[in-house]
Amino acid sequence: MANTHGAPSATVVISFRVADERRDAYEAWQARITAAAEGFDGYVATEVFPPKVGTQDEWVVVYRFDTPANLGAWVSSNERRDLLAEADAGSLTTDTHEQVIATPSGSRNAVSVVASGRVKPGREREYERWQDGITAAAREFPGFLDSELFRALPGVQQDPVVVFRFASAECLDAWLESDVRKQWLRKAEPLASDSRLQRVGGGLDGWFPSGASGDERVPDWKQAFAVLLALYPTVMLLTMYLSPQLDALPLAVSMFIGNVVSVALLTWPLMPAANRVLGPWLKPRTRSATVVGTLALFLGYAAMVWGFLAVT
């Protein structure tokens, strides 16, 4: 399928509830609707996240297309409409919510901030409500482009991670330094600990150089997955070996030192190495390379988690 590089990208996020006794029927239906989406121009990927006890009550499905126009063609298509009607008639899904997110063209100078925090046991629901509130507040600020939530996934990703994107560094600074954001952060203190904030210029593109003509941009979802592959072991090793050495320092100082070390490691040795190793997957020539590479990446996540579990 054609991909118009440099054009806006678009995502539709759909969440709904599925009764336990209908799970098998739903999964078969989901495979069919995903296969239908793959046949449309501009299709990039589908990600399906099943419910997780204590963190996520609903099924969440993310469809990614290269442009809002191609996404619109899929969303309004007769094929999709018929499949949704079939799910409704068969009582496969209920309480459906759908949100379309477009990344505007001309946002190559956009900047992102990646935020994460260790949610305290039993406070997951409250944290998600807090996250909805701070995201709604960020939307009111000039230059806000979009946000994306990566929920915690047991065995893969321990903490929820949120990416906020703004049109410029000035717009992002206005949000980060605002009294509104500071008030929301104070509300989160009873809900989460070990909060981390990492700023990345140009989306995540600074770690994923384009070709000489600038027309080979790595898709955002692949950037996020590749960064996670390098970020997780970095944070784990720093937490295990550096943090104990900094315990005597004030939290603000120790956090700053940890962030300096992690950003330096990611920017110079780790992300260039990740680009070399993951190159055939980041910019594949065939769709099968993306599928096989994604499976291998998740196996890598699992192996890292297993390894750290064995030594901690």
Foldseek 3Di string as FASTA:
>chain_A
DDAFFLAKKKKKKKKWAFDPVLVVVVVVLVVVLQVVLVPFPQWDDKDWDQADPPAGRIIMMMTIGRYPVRVVCSVPDPVNVVSVVVCVVVVGTDPMDMDMAMQHRPLQFKKKKKKKWQFDPPLNVVVVVLVVVLLVVLVPFAFWRDKDWDCADPLFHRIIMMMTIGSHPVRVVCSVPDPVNVVSVVVCVVTTDPMAMDMDGRLVCLLPDDPPVNRQGFDNVVSVLLVSLQQVVLVVVCVVPVVVVCVVPPPVVSNVVSRVVSVVCCNPDNSVVSCVVCVCCRRPPDPVSVVVSVVVSRVSSNVVSVVVVVVD
